[in-house]
Structure formats: C-alpha cells, structure tokens
C-alpha atoms as a PDB file:
ATOM      1  CA  MET A   1      41.542  56.362 102.707  1.00  0.00           C
ATOM      2  CA  SER A   2      44.864  55.665 104.237  1.00  0.00           C
ATOM      3  CA  ASP A   3      45.839  52.575 105.888  1.00  0.00           C
ATOM      4  CA  GLU A   4      45.755  54.022 109.422  1.00  0.00           C
ATOM      5  CA  ILE A   5      42.065  55.072 108.982  1.00  0.00           C
ATOM      6  CA  ARG A   6      41.436  51.628 107.899  1.00  0.00           C
ATOM      7  CA  SER A   7      42.923  49.975 110.732  1.00  0.00           C
ATOM      8  CA  LEU A   8      41.197  52.190 113.146  1.00  0.00           C
ATOM      9  CA  HIS A   9      38.121  51.349 110.894  1.00  0.00           C
ATOM     10  CA  GLU A  10      38.839  47.526 111.410  1.00  0.00           C
ATOM     11  CA  PHE A  11      39.630  47.718 115.254  1.00  0.00           C
ATOM     12  CA  ALA A  12      36.438  49.546 116.130  1.00  0.00           C
ATOM     13  CA  LEU A  13      34.393  47.029 114.060  1.00  0.00           C
ATOM     14  CA  GLU A  14      36.122  43.915 115.707  1.00  0.00           C
ATOM     15  CA  ALA A  15      35.706  45.410 119.128  1.00  0.00           C
ATOM     16  CA  ARG A  16      32.111  45.815 118.413  1.00  0.00           C
ATOM     17  CA  ILE A  17      31.521  42.508 117.286  1.00  0.00           C
ATOM     18  CA  ARG A  18      33.687  40.908 119.641  1.00  0.00           C
ATOM     19  CA  LEU A  19      31.946  42.734 122.601  1.00  0.00           C
ATOM     20  CA  LEU A  20      28.515  41.968 121.252  1.00  0.00           C
ATOM     21  CA  MET A  21      29.322  38.095 121.133  1.00  0.00           C
ATOM     22  CA  ARG A  22      30.662  38.073 124.750  1.00  0.00           C
ATOM     23  CA  THR A  23      27.591  40.447 126.103  1.00  0.00           C
ATOM     24  CA  GLY A  24      25.792  37.013 126.734  1.00  0.00           C
ATOM     25  CA  GLU A  25      28.570  35.776 128.837  1.00  0.00           C
ATOM     26  CA  ALA A  26      28.211  38.625 131.235  1.00  0.00           C
ATOM     27  CA  ARG A  27      27.773  37.618 134.833  1.00  0.00           C
ATOM     28  CA  THR A  28      26.266  40.329 136.558  1.00  0.00           C
ATOM     29  CA  PRO A  29      24.460  43.426 135.592  1.00  0.00           C
ATOM     30  CA  GLN A  30      27.754  45.769 135.528  1.00  0.00           C
ATOM     31  CA  ASP A  31      29.263  43.378 133.362  1.00  0.00           C
ATOM     32  CA  MET A  32      26.770  43.561 130.966  1.00  0.00           C
ATOM     33  CA  TRP A  33      26.356  47.521 131.038  1.00  0.00           C
ATOM     34  CA  ALA A  34      30.184  47.548 130.616  1.00  0.00           C
ATOM     35  CA  MET A  35      30.175  45.694 127.108  1.00  0.00           C
ATOM     36  CA  ALA A  36      26.891  47.578 125.888  1.00  0.00           C
ATOM     37  CA  THR A  37      28.797  50.714 126.621  1.00  0.00           C
ATOM     38  CA  GLY A  38      31.851  49.263 125.043  1.00  0.00           C
ATOM     39  CA  THR A  39      30.108  48.022 122.079  1.00  0.00           C
ATOM     40  CA  ALA A  40      28.258  51.603 121.596  1.00  0.00           C
ATOM     41  CA  ALA A  41      31.470  53.446 121.932  1.00  0.00           C
ATOM     42  CA  ALA A  42      33.385  51.172 119.313  1.00  0.00           C
ATOM     43  CA  TRP A  43      30.315  51.377 116.633  1.00  0.00           C
ATOM     44  CA  ALA A  44      30.322  55.357 117.744  1.00  0.00           C
ATOM     45  CA  PHE A  45      33.786  55.615 116.855  1.00  0.00           C
ATOM     46  CA  HIS A  46      33.350  53.623 113.543  1.00  0.00           C
ATOM     47  CA  ARG A  47      30.693  55.699 112.469  1.00  0.00           C
ATOM     48  CA  THR A  48      32.619  58.877 113.318  1.00  0.00           C
ATOM     49  CA  LEU A  49      35.830  58.062 111.142  1.00  0.00           C
ATOM     50  CA  GLN A  50      33.527  56.666 108.280  1.00  0.00           C
ATOM     51  CA  ARG A  51      31.504  60.032 108.202  1.00  0.00           C
ATOM     52  CA  LEU A  52      35.402  61.865 108.499  1.00  0.00           C
ATOM     53  CA  THR A  53      36.063  59.989 105.210  1.00  0.00           C
ATOM     54  CA  GLU A  54      32.818  61.234 103.577  1.00  0.00           C
ATOM     55  CA  ILE A  55      33.173  64.732 104.745  1.00  0.00           C
ATOM     56  CA  ASP A  56      36.711  65.337 103.935  1.00  0.00           C
ATOM     57  CA  PRO A  57      38.692  62.269 102.115  1.00  0.00           C
ATOM     58  CA  ASP A  58      41.896  64.232 101.524  1.00  0.00           C
ATOM     59  CA  ALA A  59      42.277  64.708 105.633  1.00  0.00           C
ATOM     60  CA  ALA A  60      41.331  60.776 106.014  1.00  0.00           C
ATOM     61  CA  ALA A  61      44.069  60.171 103.614  1.00  0.00           C
ATOM     62  CA  THR A  62      46.701  61.642 105.423  1.00  0.00           C
END
C-alpha cells in the first residue's frame, strides 16, 4: 500500500473516531445528525480504500 493510500486510511479512521467522540456533545438533533453522517462517511471511505487494496493491490500502490 502506498504512503498516500495509507494516509487516506489514517485520515478516514481518525475522522471517524473524532466524530464518534463528539457526537455526545451535539446540542441539537441537527448537529447529532451531521456528526453521525460524517462518521458513517468516514467509515465508508476507509472501507472502500481497504477493499480497493484487497482487490487491486498494484493500483493502490501507485
């Protein structure tokens, strides 16, 4: 896995963790929804990159 892909993985996981930690701090339902949506998007992004490296490791390495 290339350094760029690894950095994207780390970014997605860190974003998910940070948003999960802050979801409890949401003051309105809209804030909670926005944080939950961001968490789901970050996790989906991470899983997509992970699957890409499983399916085509050569493409992920470039």
